[in-house]
Amino acid sequence: MNYELMLGDCLERMAEIPDGSVDMVLTDPPYRVISGGNKSNTSLSKSLGGNNGRIFKHNDISFSEWMPIVFRKMRKNAHFYVMVNFMNLFDARDSAINAGFEAHNLLVWKKQNTTANRWYMKNCEYTLFLRKGAAFSINNKSSQTVHEFLNPVGLKVHPTQKPVELMEMYITNSSNKGDIVLDPFMGSGTTGVACARAGRRFIGIELDQNYFEIASDRIKTAATIL
């Protein structure tokens, strides 16, 4: 089996992963979001039981809690990708640096759809590209900092679901076939699906039972097809 899926709190479940064993980390962690400066609940937040800038029930965890653990789990020279919005960008960067990571770049995913905002409509999302240890090149050196992939729309299985193609680009650029990729906030399992497509091993952790089951089904299906 090329994947290991864990249900539970990543702060607890990562203790089961040997230190220095992970070749790459790619994750879209939970964090507080504020929509257009409106302090009232959004319809999405309400439908998921959130409030005060919360989309999910379980997004009280801070970057400083989990990033040092991730650092220990990664091998000496490895890449770390963490997706983040502008409001949490500097907190995420500072927490990563304090945990021992070095910053490589800020990557921008340009989407085909936009989010309404009074201070410029948002048609992109950000990914902090970091490293543990010495710098080394990505595999596709022609990759650009701004990249375009279609955002999943319509029948999404997760409100912040990312394109498999986007995650696969990060994975193939910063790991090799057979490497272990960790996502401590697995969500609907898009990183795991991308790992199956790219021939990487995958460790995914998810706290929410419903999303864990969705992720399990998606990753098993992807692994079976491939």
Foldseek 3Di string as FASTA:
>chain_A
DQEAEAAAALLPVLVVAAFAAAAEEAEAAAAFADAQVDQADDPQCVVQVHHRRGNHPPRPDFLLRCLLSVLRRHHQKFKYKYWDAPVCVVSNVVSNVVSQKAWDDKAKEFEPDWGDYPVDTHRITIMTIIIHHDDDFWPPNVDDRYDYDYADDDPDPFPRDGDLVVLLVVDNRTDAAAGEYEYADQFQQSNLLSCLVRRYRYYYYHHDPSSSVNNVVNNVVSNVVD
